[in-house]
Amino acid sequence: LKEFVMDPKGYFLIDLNRKKKEILVGFCPETNKVVVKIVGRKPLEIYQAAIKEGLLSRYDHAAYLGRELQKAYIALQEGIPYVQDDELDFRKTG
């Protein structure tokens, strides 16, 4: 595996709002300083918004965002916990 390289534009924080069945994404150009918030129900609408806003500059970061959004979506649909950067655990219920 190649070493992790930070996207110079910033990074994403991903969470769920289970009551509203939404995926919440915050974009941080600096450490824990959210400047853009994206809320959606499906990965496609969220990553399209991130691309439109110009929040990605690296292909590997785009791939990472897509993977994490899909995990968040599955966790939301299946009622299991979602923790960014962790594998989904289908044995647990959220």
PDB file of N, CA and C in Angstrom:
ATOM      1  N   LEU A   1       0.824  -1.190   0.000  1.00  0.00           N
ATOM      2  CA  LEU A   1       0.000   0.000   0.000  1.00  0.00           C
ATOM      3  C   LEU A   1       0.862   1.245   0.000  1.00  0.00           C
ATOM      4  N   LYS A   2       0.418   2.232  -0.755  1.00  0.00           N
ATOM      5  CA  LYS A   2       1.197   3.458  -0.769  1.00  0.00           C
ATOM      6  C   LYS A   2       0.813   4.330   0.417  1.00  0.00           C
ATOM      7  N   GLU A   3       1.714   5.175   0.797  1.00  0.00           N
ATOM      8  CA  GLU A   3       1.526   6.038   1.952  1.00  0.00           C
ATOM      9  C   GLU A   3       0.385   7.026   1.719  1.00  0.00           C
ATOM     10  N   PHE A   4      -0.378   7.309   2.775  1.00  0.00           N
ATOM     11  CA  PHE A   4      -1.474   8.267   2.723  1.00  0.00           C
ATOM     12  C   PHE A   4      -0.943   9.659   2.391  1.00  0.00           C
ATOM     13  N   VAL A   5      -1.607  10.330   1.448  1.00  0.00           N
ATOM     14  CA  VAL A   5      -1.244  11.695   1.086  1.00  0.00           C
ATOM     15  C   VAL A   5      -2.498  12.554   1.256  1.00  0.00           C
ATOM     16  N   MET A   6      -2.378  13.589   2.073  1.00  0.00           N
ATOM     17  CA  MET A   6      -3.502  14.487   2.320  1.00  0.00           C
ATOM     18  C   MET A   6      -3.806  15.316   1.079  1.00  0.00           C
ATOM     19  N   ASP A   7      -5.089  15.471   0.775  1.00  0.00           N
ATOM     20  CA  ASP A   7      -5.507  16.356  -0.307  1.00  0.00           C
ATOM     21  C   ASP A   7      -5.203  17.786   0.132  1.00  0.00           C
ATOM     22  N   PRO A   8      -4.474  18.556  -0.660  1.00  0.00           N
ATOM     23  CA  PRO A   8      -4.134  19.916  -0.251  1.00  0.00           C
ATOM     24  C   PRO A   8      -5.351  20.823  -0.053  1.00  0.00           C
ATOM     25  N   LYS A   9      -6.485  20.459  -0.657  1.00  0.00           N
ATOM     26  CA  LYS A   9      -7.692  21.276  -0.494  1.00  0.00           C
ATOM     27  C   LYS A   9      -8.325  21.090   0.877  1.00  0.00           C
ATOM     28  N   GLY A  10      -8.126  19.917   1.494  1.00  0.00           N
ATOM     29  CA  GLY A  10      -8.724  19.659   2.801  1.00  0.00           C
ATOM     30  C   GLY A  10      -9.245  18.244   2.919  1.00  0.00           C
ATOM     31  N   TYR A  11     -10.109  18.044   3.913  1.00  0.00           N
ATOM     32  CA  TYR A  11     -10.633  16.705   4.178  1.00  0.00           C
ATOM     33  C   TYR A  11     -12.109  16.771   4.567  1.00  0.00           C
ATOM     34  N   PHE A  12     -12.737  15.602   4.626  1.00  0.00           N
ATOM     35  CA  PHE A  12     -14.169  15.501   4.924  1.00  0.00           C
ATOM     36  C   PHE A  12     -14.396  14.802   6.253  1.00  0.00           C
ATOM     37  N   LEU A  13     -15.402  15.275   6.975  1.00  0.00           N
ATOM     38  CA  LEU A  13     -15.913  14.594   8.164  1.00  0.00           C
ATOM     39  C   LEU A  13     -17.304  14.096   7.803  1.00  0.00           C
ATOM     40  N   ILE A  14     -17.548  12.815   8.048  1.00  0.00           N
ATOM     41  CA  ILE A  14     -18.807  12.199   7.630  1.00  0.00           C
ATOM     42  C   ILE A  14     -19.523  11.638   8.846  1.00  0.00           C
ATOM     43  N   ASP A  15     -20.826  11.900   8.927  1.00  0.00           N
ATOM     44  CA  ASP A  15     -21.651  11.420  10.024  1.00  0.00           C
ATOM     45  C   ASP A  15     -23.050  11.124   9.495  1.00  0.00           C
ATOM     46  N   LEU A  16     -23.892  10.592  10.352  1.00  0.00           N
ATOM     47  CA  LEU A  16     -25.266  10.251   9.979  1.00  0.00           C
ATOM     48  C   LEU A  16     -26.263  10.982  10.865  1.00  0.00           C
ATOM     49  N   ASN A  17     -27.406  11.327  10.285  1.00  0.00           N
ATOM     50  CA  ASN A  17     -28.573  11.756  11.049  1.00  0.00           C
ATOM     51  C   ASN A  17     -29.609  10.668  10.819  1.00  0.00           C
ATOM     52  N   ARG A  18     -29.665   9.733  11.749  1.00  0.00           N
ATOM     53  CA  ARG A  18     -30.536   8.576  11.571  1.00  0.00           C
ATOM     54  C   ARG A  18     -32.015   8.948  11.582  1.00  0.00           C
ATOM     55  N   LYS A  19     -32.393   9.940  12.379  1.00  0.00           N
ATOM     56  CA  LYS A  19     -33.801  10.338  12.444  1.00  0.00           C
ATOM     57  C   LYS A  19     -34.295  10.842  11.095  1.00  0.00           C
ATOM     58  N   LYS A  20     -33.464  11.613  10.414  1.00  0.00           N
ATOM     59  CA  LYS A  20     -33.840  12.169   9.111  1.00  0.00           C
ATOM     60  C   LYS A  20     -33.386  11.292   7.949  1.00  0.00           C
ATOM     61  N   LYS A  21     -32.659  10.211   8.270  1.00  0.00           N
ATOM     62  CA  LYS A  21     -32.105   9.308   7.248  1.00  0.00           C
ATOM     63  C   LYS A  21     -31.232  10.074   6.263  1.00  0.00           C
ATOM     64  N   GLU A  22     -30.294  10.874   6.822  1.00  0.00           N
ATOM     65  CA  GLU A  22     -29.413  11.690   6.005  1.00  0.00           C
ATOM     66  C   GLU A  22     -27.948  11.409   6.326  1.00  0.00           C
ATOM     67  N   ILE A  23     -27.122  11.630   5.313  1.00  0.00           N
ATOM     68  CA  ILE A  23     -25.677  11.583   5.473  1.00  0.00           C
ATOM     69  C   ILE A  23     -25.213  13.033   5.567  1.00  0.00           C
ATOM     70  N   LEU A  24     -24.410  13.314   6.583  1.00  0.00           N
ATOM     71  CA  LEU A  24     -23.912  14.671   6.828  1.00  0.00           C
ATOM     72  C   LEU A  24     -22.423  14.713   6.515  1.00  0.00           C
ATOM     73  N   VAL A  25     -22.027  15.680   5.720  1.00  0.00           N
ATOM     74  CA  VAL A  25     -20.619  15.801   5.340  1.00  0.00           C
ATOM     75  C   VAL A  25     -20.160  17.233   5.597  1.00  0.00           C
ATOM     76  N   GLY A  26     -19.050  17.346   6.298  1.00  0.00           N
ATOM     77  CA  GLY A  26     -18.426  18.643   6.515  1.00  0.00           C
ATOM     78  C   GLY A  26     -17.076  18.661   5.844  1.00  0.00           C
ATOM     79  N   PHE A  27     -16.769  19.740   5.134  1.00  0.00           N
ATOM     80  CA  PHE A  27     -15.477  19.879   4.473  1.00  0.00           C
ATOM     81  C   PHE A  27     -14.612  20.835   5.270  1.00  0.00           C
ATOM     82  N   CYS A  28     -13.396  20.416   5.572  1.00  0.00           N
ATOM     83  CA  CYS A  28     -12.451  21.198   6.381  1.00  0.00           C
ATOM     84  C   CYS A  28     -11.181  21.496   5.592  1.00  0.00           C
ATOM     85  N   PRO A  29     -10.932  22.758   5.246  1.00  0.00           N
ATOM     86  CA  PRO A  29      -9.672  23.103   4.607  1.00  0.00           C
ATOM     87  C   PRO A  29      -8.542  23.213   5.633  1.00  0.00           C
ATOM     88  N   GLU A  30      -8.914  23.386   6.891  1.00  0.00           N
ATOM     89  CA  GLU A  30      -7.978  23.442   8.009  1.00  0.00           C
ATOM     90  C   GLU A  30      -8.465  22.470   9.075  1.00  0.00           C
ATOM     91  N   THR A  31      -7.609  22.140  10.017  1.00  0.00           N
ATOM     92  CA  THR A  31      -7.944  21.174  11.051  1.00  0.00           C
ATOM     93  C   THR A  31      -9.237  21.544  11.771  1.00  0.00           C
ATOM     94  N   ASN A  32     -10.238  20.682  11.618  1.00  0.00           N
ATOM     95  CA  ASN A  32     -11.548  20.790  12.282  1.00  0.00           C
ATOM     96  C   ASN A  32     -12.255  22.126  12.095  1.00  0.00           C
ATOM     97  N   LYS A  33     -12.019  22.780  10.969  1.00  0.00           N
ATOM     98  CA  LYS A  33     -12.719  24.016  10.635  1.00  0.00           C
ATOM     99  C   LYS A  33     -13.634  23.731   9.447  1.00  0.00           C
ATOM    100  N   VAL A  34     -14.898  23.414   9.745  1.00  0.00           N
ATOM    101  CA  VAL A  34     -15.865  23.084   8.697  1.00  0.00           C
ATOM    102  C   VAL A  34     -16.310  24.375   8.009  1.00  0.00           C
ATOM    103  N   VAL A  35     -16.093  24.439   6.694  1.00  0.00           N
ATOM    104  CA  VAL A  35     -16.486  25.627   5.931  1.00  0.00           C
ATOM    105  C   VAL A  35     -17.600  25.333   4.922  1.00  0.00           C
ATOM    106  N   VAL A  36     -17.791  24.054   4.588  1.00  0.00           N
ATOM    107  CA  VAL A  36     -18.864  23.654   3.679  1.00  0.00           C
ATOM    108  C   VAL A  36     -19.567  22.463   4.302  1.00  0.00           C
ATOM    109  N   LYS A  37     -20.899  22.508   4.324  1.00  0.00           N
ATOM    110  CA  LYS A  37     -21.699  21.381   4.804  1.00  0.00           C
ATOM    111  C   LYS A  37     -22.546  20.875   3.649  1.00  0.00           C
ATOM    112  N   ILE A  38     -22.541  19.560   3.481  1.00  0.00           N
ATOM    113  CA  ILE A  38     -23.355  18.916   2.451  1.00  0.00           C
ATOM    114  C   ILE A  38     -24.203  17.865   3.145  1.00  0.00           C
ATOM    115  N   VAL A  39     -25.494  17.893   2.875  1.00  0.00           N
ATOM    116  CA  VAL A  39     -26.422  16.923   3.459  1.00  0.00           C
ATOM    117  C   VAL A  39     -27.164  16.248   2.322  1.00  0.00           C
ATOM    118  N   GLY A  40     -27.268  14.932   2.391  1.00  0.00           N
ATOM    119  CA  GLY A  40     -27.995  14.209   1.361  1.00  0.00           C
ATOM    120  C   GLY A  40     -28.416  12.847   1.840  1.00  0.00           C
ATOM    121  N   ARG A  41     -29.209  12.198   1.035  1.00  0.00           N
ATOM    122  CA  ARG A  41     -29.690  10.860   1.373  1.00  0.00           C
ATOM    123  C   ARG A  41     -28.940   9.758   0.633  1.00  0.00           C
ATOM    124  N   LYS A  42     -28.289  10.129  -0.482  1.00  0.00           N
ATOM    125  CA  LYS A  42     -27.578   9.134  -1.287  1.00  0.00           C
ATOM    126  C   LYS A  42     -26.175   9.635  -1.626  1.00  0.00           C
ATOM    127  N   PRO A  43     -25.219   8.701  -1.726  1.00  0.00           N
ATOM    128  CA  PRO A  43     -23.840   9.085  -2.037  1.00  0.00           C
ATOM    129  C   PRO A  43     -23.709   9.931  -3.306  1.00  0.00           C
ATOM    130  N   LEU A  44     -24.446   9.593  -4.354  1.00  0.00           N
ATOM    131  CA  LEU A  44     -24.331  10.295  -5.636  1.00  0.00           C
ATOM    132  C   LEU A  44     -24.559  11.797  -5.483  1.00  0.00           C
ATOM    133  N   GLU A  45     -25.628  12.183  -4.804  1.00  0.00           N
ATOM    134  CA  GLU A  45     -25.924  13.612  -4.674  1.00  0.00           C
ATOM    135  C   GLU A  45     -24.860  14.336  -3.848  1.00  0.00           C
ATOM    136  N   ILE A  46     -24.266  13.634  -2.891  1.00  0.00           N
ATOM    137  CA  ILE A  46     -23.249  14.265  -2.041  1.00  0.00           C
ATOM    138  C   ILE A  46     -21.935  14.434  -2.793  1.00  0.00           C
ATOM    139  N   TYR A  47     -21.468  13.379  -3.463  1.00  0.00           N
ATOM    140  CA  TYR A  47     -20.181  13.551  -4.136  1.00  0.00           C
ATOM    141  C   TYR A  47     -20.294  14.432  -5.364  1.00  0.00           C
ATOM    142  N   GLN A  48     -21.467  14.490  -5.984  1.00  0.00           N
ATOM    143  CA  GLN A  48     -21.644  15.450  -7.085  1.00  0.00           C
ATOM    144  C   GLN A  48     -21.557  16.882  -6.562  1.00  0.00           C
ATOM    145  N   ALA A  49     -22.123  17.134  -5.385  1.00  0.00           N
ATOM    146  CA  ALA A  49     -22.035  18.470  -4.771  1.00  0.00           C
ATOM    147  C   ALA A  49     -20.585  18.797  -4.415  1.00  0.00           C
ATOM    148  N   ALA A  50     -19.844  17.817  -3.897  1.00  0.00           N
ATOM    149  CA  ALA A  50     -18.439  18.038  -3.537  1.00  0.00           C
ATOM    150  C   ALA A  50     -17.612  18.379  -4.782  1.00  0.00           C
ATOM    151  N   ILE A  51     -17.877  17.697  -5.880  1.00  0.00           N
ATOM    152  CA  ILE A  51     -17.170  17.974  -7.139  1.00  0.00           C
ATOM    153  C   ILE A  51     -17.544  19.361  -7.655  1.00  0.00           C
ATOM    154  N   LYS A  52     -18.842  19.668  -7.640  1.00  0.00           N
ATOM    155  CA  LYS A  52     -19.313  20.974  -8.119  1.00  0.00           C
ATOM    156  C   LYS A  52     -18.697  22.114  -7.314  1.00  0.00           C
ATOM    157  N   GLU A  53     -18.521  21.907  -6.017  1.00  0.00           N
ATOM    158  CA  GLU A  53     -17.932  22.930  -5.141  1.00  0.00           C
ATOM    159  C   GLU A  53     -16.404  22.987  -5.257  1.00  0.00           C
ATOM    160  N   GLY A  54     -15.816  22.048  -6.001  1.00  0.00           N
ATOM    161  CA  GLY A  54     -14.365  22.037  -6.188  1.00  0.00           C
ATOM    162  C   GLY A  54     -13.591  21.635  -4.944  1.00  0.00           C
ATOM    163  N   LEU A  55     -14.142  20.701  -4.172  1.00  0.00           N
ATOM    164  CA  LEU A  55     -13.545  20.328  -2.892  1.00  0.00           C
ATOM    165  C   LEU A  55     -12.512  19.211  -2.977  1.00  0.00           C
ATOM    166  N   LEU A  56     -12.302  18.671  -4.157  1.00  0.00           N
ATOM    167  CA  LEU A  56     -11.373  17.553  -4.334  1.00  0.00           C
ATOM    168  C   LEU A  56     -10.317  17.909  -5.373  1.00  0.00           C
ATOM    169  N   SER A  57      -9.070  17.535  -5.078  1.00  0.00           N
ATOM    170  CA  SER A  57      -8.024  17.766  -6.078  1.00  0.00           C
ATOM    171  C   SER A  57      -7.241  16.500  -6.393  1.00  0.00           C
ATOM    172  N   ARG A  58      -7.531  15.423  -5.678  1.00  0.00           N
ATOM    173  CA  ARG A  58      -6.798  14.165  -5.879  1.00  0.00           C
ATOM    174  C   ARG A  58      -7.787  13.039  -6.187  1.00  0.00           C
ATOM    175  N   TYR A  59      -7.414  12.192  -7.142  1.00  0.00           N
ATOM    176  CA  TYR A  59      -8.264  11.055  -7.492  1.00  0.00           C
ATOM    177  C   TYR A  59      -8.427  10.089  -6.327  1.00  0.00           C
ATOM    178  N   ASP A  60      -7.351   9.862  -5.572  1.00  0.00           N
ATOM    179  CA  ASP A  60      -7.459   8.934  -4.451  1.00  0.00           C
ATOM    180  C   ASP A  60      -8.384   9.479  -3.369  1.00  0.00           C
ATOM    181  N   HIS A  61      -8.447  10.786  -3.219  1.00  0.00           N
ATOM    182  CA  HIS A  61      -9.357  11.388  -2.252  1.00  0.00           C
ATOM    183  C   HIS A  61     -10.804  11.248  -2.720  1.00  0.00           C
ATOM    184  N   ALA A  62     -11.025  11.400  -4.024  1.00  0.00           N
ATOM    185  CA  ALA A  62     -12.360  11.200  -4.583  1.00  0.00           C
ATOM    186  C   ALA A  62     -12.815   9.754  -4.383  1.00  0.00           C
ATOM    187  N   ALA A  63     -11.913   8.814  -4.604  1.00  0.00           N
ATOM    188  CA  ALA A  63     -12.241   7.395  -4.399  1.00  0.00           C
ATOM    189  C   ALA A  63     -12.556   7.124  -2.930  1.00  0.00           C
ATOM    190  N   TYR A  64     -11.752   7.696  -2.046  1.00  0.00           N
ATOM    191  CA  TYR A  64     -11.980   7.553  -0.602  1.00  0.00           C
ATOM    192  C   TYR A  64     -13.354   8.097  -0.221  1.00  0.00           C
ATOM    193  N   LEU A  65     -13.693   9.288  -0.718  1.00  0.00           N
ATOM    194  CA  LEU A  65     -14.989   9.887  -0.396  1.00  0.00           C
ATOM    195  C   LEU A  65     -16.127   8.989  -0.876  1.00  0.00           C
ATOM    196  N   GLY A  66     -16.024   8.488  -2.095  1.00  0.00           N
ATOM    197  CA  GLY A  66     -17.057   7.592  -2.621  1.00  0.00           C
ATOM    198  C   GLY A  66     -17.220   6.346  -1.770  1.00  0.00           C
ATOM    199  N   ARG A  67     -16.101   5.754  -1.356  1.00  0.00           N
ATOM    200  CA  ARG A  67     -16.154   4.548  -0.511  1.00  0.00           C
ATOM    201  C   ARG A  67     -16.809   4.857   0.831  1.00  0.00           C
ATOM    202  N   GLU A  68     -16.394   5.941   1.468  1.00  0.00           N
ATOM    203  CA  GLU A  68     -16.954   6.288   2.781  1.00  0.00           C
ATOM    204  C   GLU A  68     -18.435   6.645   2.692  1.00  0.00           C
ATOM    205  N   LEU A  69     -18.837   7.343   1.639  1.00  0.00           N
ATOM    206  CA  LEU A  69     -20.252   7.676   1.477  1.00  0.00           C
ATOM    207  C   LEU A  69     -21.096   6.425   1.273  1.00  0.00           C
ATOM    208  N   GLN A  70     -20.585   5.463   0.514  1.00  0.00           N
ATOM    209  CA  GLN A  70     -21.326   4.220   0.310  1.00  0.00           C
ATOM    210  C   GLN A  70     -21.448   3.442   1.614  1.00  0.00           C
ATOM    211  N   LYS A  71     -20.370   3.410   2.414  1.00  0.00           N
ATOM    212  CA  LYS A  71     -20.433   2.758   3.724  1.00  0.00           C
ATOM    213  C   LYS A  71     -21.462   3.445   4.617  1.00  0.00           C
ATOM    214  N   ALA A  72     -21.461   4.773   4.622  1.00  0.00           N
ATOM    215  CA  ALA A  72     -22.417   5.520   5.438  1.00  0.00           C
ATOM    216  C   ALA A  72     -23.846   5.218   4.998  1.00  0.00           C
ATOM    217  N   TYR A  73     -24.066   5.139   3.697  1.00  0.00           N
ATOM    218  CA  TYR A  73     -25.391   4.844   3.149  1.00  0.00           C
ATOM    219  C   TYR A  73     -25.851   3.445   3.573  1.00  0.00           C
ATOM    220  N   ILE A  74     -24.963   2.478   3.458  1.00  0.00           N
ATOM    221  CA  ILE A  74     -25.301   1.108   3.862  1.00  0.00           C
ATOM    222  C   ILE A  74     -25.607   1.061   5.355  1.00  0.00           C
ATOM    223  N   ALA A  75     -24.804   1.710   6.162  1.00  0.00           N
ATOM    224  CA  ALA A  75     -25.026   1.731   7.611  1.00  0.00           C
ATOM    225  C   ALA A  75     -26.386   2.341   7.932  1.00  0.00           C
ATOM    226  N   LEU A  76     -26.738   3.391   7.236  1.00  0.00           N
ATOM    227  CA  LEU A  76     -28.022   4.050   7.445  1.00  0.00           C
ATOM    228  C   LEU A  76     -29.174   3.119   7.069  1.00  0.00           C
ATOM    229  N   GLN A  77     -29.054   2.456   5.939  1.00  0.00           N
ATOM    230  CA  GLN A  77     -30.108   1.555   5.468  1.00  0.00           C
ATOM    231  C   GLN A  77     -30.257   0.311   6.344  1.00  0.00           C
ATOM    232  N   GLU A  78     -29.133  -0.197   6.840  1.00  0.00           N
ATOM    233  CA  GLU A  78     -29.138  -1.446   7.608  1.00  0.00           C
ATOM    234  C   GLU A  78     -29.260  -1.231   9.118  1.00  0.00           C
ATOM    235  N   GLY A  79     -29.208   0.015   9.566  1.00  0.00           N
ATOM    236  CA  GLY A  79     -29.321   0.303  10.989  1.00  0.00           C
ATOM    237  C   GLY A  79     -28.119  -0.165  11.799  1.00  0.00           C
ATOM    238  N   ILE A  80     -26.935  -0.105  11.181  1.00  0.00           N
ATOM    239  CA  ILE A  80     -25.718  -0.515  11.878  1.00  0.00           C
ATOM    240  C   ILE A  80     -24.842   0.715  12.114  1.00  0.00           C
ATOM    241  N   PRO A  81     -23.918   0.637  13.055  1.00  0.00           N
ATOM    242  CA  PRO A  81     -23.067   1.793  13.342  1.00  0.00           C
ATOM    243  C   PRO A  81     -22.171   2.167  12.163  1.00  0.00           C
ATOM    244  N   TYR A  82     -21.939   3.468  12.036  1.00  0.00           N
ATOM    245  CA  TYR A  82     -20.995   3.966  11.047  1.00  0.00           C
ATOM    246  C   TYR A  82     -19.922   4.762  11.784  1.00  0.00           C
ATOM    247  N   VAL A  83     -18.675   4.386  11.555  1.00  0.00           N
ATOM    248  CA  VAL A  83     -17.530   5.135  12.065  1.00  0.00           C
ATOM    249  C   VAL A  83     -16.613   5.363  10.875  1.00  0.00           C
ATOM    250  N   GLN A  84     -16.358   6.628  10.559  1.00  0.00           N
ATOM    251  CA  GLN A  84     -15.511   6.956   9.421  1.00  0.00           C
ATOM    252  C   GLN A  84     -14.162   6.261   9.549  1.00  0.00           C
ATOM    253  N   ASP A  85     -13.709   5.675   8.463  1.00  0.00           N
ATOM    254  CA  ASP A  85     -12.431   4.974   8.348  1.00  0.00           C
ATOM    255  C   ASP A  85     -12.423   3.579   8.973  1.00  0.00           C
ATOM    256  N   ASP A  86     -13.524   3.140   9.586  1.00  0.00           N
ATOM    257  CA  ASP A  86     -13.628   1.778  10.119  1.00  0.00           C
ATOM    258  C   ASP A  86     -14.462   0.930   9.170  1.00  0.00           C
ATOM    259  N   GLU A  87     -14.241  -0.369   9.232  1.00  0.00           N
ATOM    260  CA  GLU A  87     -15.067  -1.296   8.468  1.00  0.00           C
ATOM    261  C   GLU A  87     -16.458  -1.364   9.090  1.00  0.00           C
ATOM    262  N   LEU A  88     -17.459  -1.656   8.269  1.00  0.00           N
ATOM    263  CA  LEU A  88     -18.811  -1.852   8.811  1.00  0.00           C
ATOM    264  C   LEU A  88     -18.883  -3.174   9.550  1.00  0.00           C
ATOM    265  N   ASP A  89     -19.602  -3.180  10.663  1.00  0.00           N
ATOM    266  CA  ASP A  89     -19.782  -4.403  11.446  1.00  0.00           C
ATOM    267  C   ASP A  89     -21.257  -4.777  11.370  1.00  0.00           C
ATOM    268  N   PHE A  90     -21.561  -5.753  10.547  1.00  0.00           N
ATOM    269  CA  PHE A  90     -22.949  -6.163  10.337  1.00  0.00           C
ATOM    270  C   PHE A  90     -23.513  -6.969  11.507  1.00  0.00           C
ATOM    271  N   ARG A  91     -22.688  -7.263  12.505  1.00  0.00           N
ATOM    272  CA  ARG A  91     -23.156  -7.999  13.675  1.00  0.00           C
ATOM    273  C   ARG A  91     -23.773  -7.078  14.703  1.00  0.00           C
ATOM    274  N   LYS A  92     -23.536  -5.768  14.565  1.00  0.00           N
ATOM    275  CA  LYS A  92     -24.048  -4.808  15.524  1.00  0.00           C
ATOM    276  C   LYS A  92     -25.210  -4.039  14.916  1.00  0.00           C
ATOM    277  N   THR A  93     -26.112  -3.594  15.737  1.00  0.00           N
ATOM    278  CA  THR A  93     -27.197  -2.727  15.261  1.00  0.00           C
ATOM    279  C   THR A  93     -27.061  -1.379  15.945  1.00  0.00           C
ATOM    280  N   GLY A  94     -27.345  -0.329  15.169  1.00  0.00           N
ATOM    281  CA  GLY A  94     -27.213   1.043  15.699  1.00  0.00           C
ATOM    282  C   GLY A  94     -28.486   1.494  16.201  1.00  0.00           C
TER     283      GLY A  94
END
